Protein backbone atom coordinates (compact mmCIF):
# COMPACT_ATOMS: atom_id res chain seq x y z
CA MET A 1 0.00 0.00 0.00
CA SER A 2 1.19 3.50 -0.84
CA LYS A 3 2.45 5.80 1.88
CA VAL A 4 0.47 9.03 2.29
CA PRO A 5 2.09 11.36 4.85
CA SER A 6 -0.51 13.35 6.77
CA ASN A 7 1.50 16.61 6.81
CA LEU A 8 1.25 17.09 3.02
CA LYS A 9 -1.41 18.22 0.56
CA TYR A 10 -2.21 16.26 -2.61
CA THR A 11 -3.61 16.68 -6.13
CA LYS A 12 -5.76 14.35 -8.22
CA SER A 13 -2.79 14.13 -10.64
CA HIS A 14 -0.64 12.59 -7.85
CA GLU A 15 1.61 15.47 -6.83
CA TRP A 16 2.36 16.11 -3.17
CA VAL A 17 2.77 19.63 -1.79
CA ARG A 18 4.55 20.72 1.38
CA VAL A 19 4.09 24.29 2.63
CA GLU A 20 7.43 25.62 3.88
CA ASP A 21 7.93 28.15 6.70
CA ASP A 22 8.61 30.94 4.16
CA GLY A 23 5.35 30.25 2.32
CA THR A 24 6.93 28.53 -0.67
CA LEU A 25 5.69 25.14 -1.77
CA THR A 26 7.84 22.06 -2.26
CA ILE A 27 6.35 19.70 -4.85
CA GLY A 28 7.00 16.09 -5.76
CA VAL A 29 5.19 12.99 -6.98
CA THR A 30 3.45 10.65 -4.59
CA ASP A 31 4.45 7.15 -3.63
CA HIS A 32 1.33 5.94 -5.48
CA ALA A 33 2.54 7.69 -8.67
CA GLN A 34 6.06 6.23 -8.53
CA GLU A 35 4.62 2.73 -7.94
CA ALA A 36 2.37 3.10 -10.98
CA LEU A 37 5.21 4.44 -13.14
CA GLY A 38 7.79 1.80 -12.24
CA ASP A 39 11.51 2.50 -12.66
CA ILE A 40 11.96 6.23 -13.19
CA VAL A 41 14.74 7.01 -15.67
CA PHE A 42 14.35 10.69 -16.63
CA LEU A 43 13.01 14.00 -15.31
CA GLU A 44 12.45 17.30 -17.07
CA LEU A 45 11.69 20.03 -14.54
CA PRO A 46 10.62 23.67 -14.92
CA GLU A 47 13.29 26.38 -14.71
CA ALA A 48 13.43 28.93 -11.91
CA GLY A 49 11.56 32.07 -12.87
CA ARG A 50 8.90 30.28 -14.93
CA GLN A 51 5.34 31.42 -14.19
CA LEU A 52 2.86 28.57 -13.94
CA ALA A 53 -0.91 28.49 -14.04
CA ALA A 54 -2.77 26.12 -11.71
CA SER A 55 -2.95 22.63 -13.29
CA GLU A 56 -0.47 23.58 -16.03
CA ALA A 57 1.71 20.72 -17.27
CA CYS A 58 5.17 21.93 -16.23
CA ALA A 59 7.42 18.89 -15.97
CA VAL A 60 7.83 15.38 -17.36
CA ILE A 61 8.63 12.20 -15.47
CA GLU A 62 9.67 9.23 -17.55
CA SER A 63 9.86 5.59 -16.55
CA VAL A 64 10.72 2.46 -18.47
CA LYS A 65 6.94 2.11 -19.05
CA ALA A 66 5.75 5.60 -19.96
CA ALA A 67 6.23 9.35 -19.82
CA SER A 68 3.80 11.37 -17.71
CA ASP A 69 3.23 15.06 -17.21
CA ILE A 70 3.58 16.68 -13.81
CA TYR A 71 1.20 19.54 -13.11
CA ALA A 72 1.47 22.72 -11.06
CA PRO A 73 -0.80 22.27 -8.02
CA VAL A 74 -1.46 26.03 -7.83
CA ALA A 75 -0.46 29.12 -9.84
CA GLY A 76 2.89 30.68 -9.02
CA GLU A 77 6.53 31.18 -9.88
CA VAL A 78 9.10 28.38 -9.91
CA VAL A 79 11.88 29.29 -7.47
CA ALA A 80 13.99 26.11 -7.73
CA ALA A 81 14.27 22.78 -9.50
CA ASN A 82 15.93 19.81 -7.82
CA GLN A 83 19.10 19.14 -9.82
CA GLU A 84 19.85 16.07 -7.66
CA ALA A 85 16.54 14.51 -8.76
CA ILE A 86 17.37 15.26 -12.41
CA ASP A 87 20.80 13.65 -11.99
CA ALA A 88 19.47 10.58 -10.11
CA PRO A 89 15.74 10.20 -10.91
CA GLU A 90 15.71 6.65 -9.51
CA GLY A 91 15.82 8.24 -6.05
CA ILE A 92 12.09 8.93 -6.44
CA ASN A 93 11.48 5.18 -6.54
CA ALA A 94 13.45 4.76 -3.31
CA ASP A 95 11.55 7.50 -1.45
CA ALA A 96 9.05 9.66 -3.31
CA TYR A 97 8.64 12.06 -0.39
CA ALA A 98 12.36 12.66 0.25
CA ASN A 99 12.98 13.56 -3.40
CA TRP A 100 11.20 16.81 -4.27
CA LEU A 101 11.00 18.04 -7.86
CA PHE A 102 10.52 21.79 -7.76
CA LYS A 103 9.65 24.67 -5.44
CA LEU A 104 6.96 27.22 -6.17
CA LYS A 105 6.13 30.65 -4.77
CA PRO A 106 2.32 30.58 -4.90
CA ALA A 107 0.48 33.52 -6.47
CA ASP A 108 -2.24 33.00 -3.84
CA ALA A 109 -1.17 31.35 -0.58
CA GLY A 110 -4.78 30.42 0.14
CA ALA A 111 -4.99 28.26 -3.00
CA VAL A 112 -3.19 25.44 -1.19
CA GLY A 113 -6.20 25.05 1.09
CA ALA A 114 -8.22 23.73 -1.86
CA LEU A 115 -5.87 20.76 -2.34
CA MET A 116 -6.68 17.34 -0.88
CA ASP A 117 -5.50 16.34 2.57
CA ALA A 118 -4.06 12.86 3.19
CA ALA A 119 -7.44 11.28 3.99
CA ALA A 120 -9.04 12.65 0.81
CA TYR A 121 -6.06 11.51 -1.30
CA GLU A 122 -6.17 8.01 0.25
CA ALA A 123 -9.87 7.82 -0.68
CA GLU A 124 -9.03 9.02 -4.22
CA ILE A 125 -6.37 6.36 -4.85
CA ALA A 126 -8.49 3.64 -3.23
CA GLN A 127 -11.02 4.16 -6.03
CA ALA A 128 -8.40 3.87 -8.77
């Protein structure tokens, strides 16, 4: 069964979101997503400075099975991409929550409140 940490927010497209002390958001893919993808071999992440709309496809995660888009959970500006994850994408398979993909400065801090909590996400993936 997939791990779903209770301190994070989630999207229907299987991204996790952690709100940092400075208000920025750290974003990655969920354990459920990495299990479904299989062995991850490549990541293409958005560059710092890029403006994203909510639900915009902004990154690509590729496994031996398929390539999938990663979506911005909320609108905002990319402030960092995780070069370590790009260099060693297999780390996501080892621990999806320790290996973030990019950080976002949200245009509206309140938008995060509309994302799913752990219980709602667990219900979502149970139906899949």
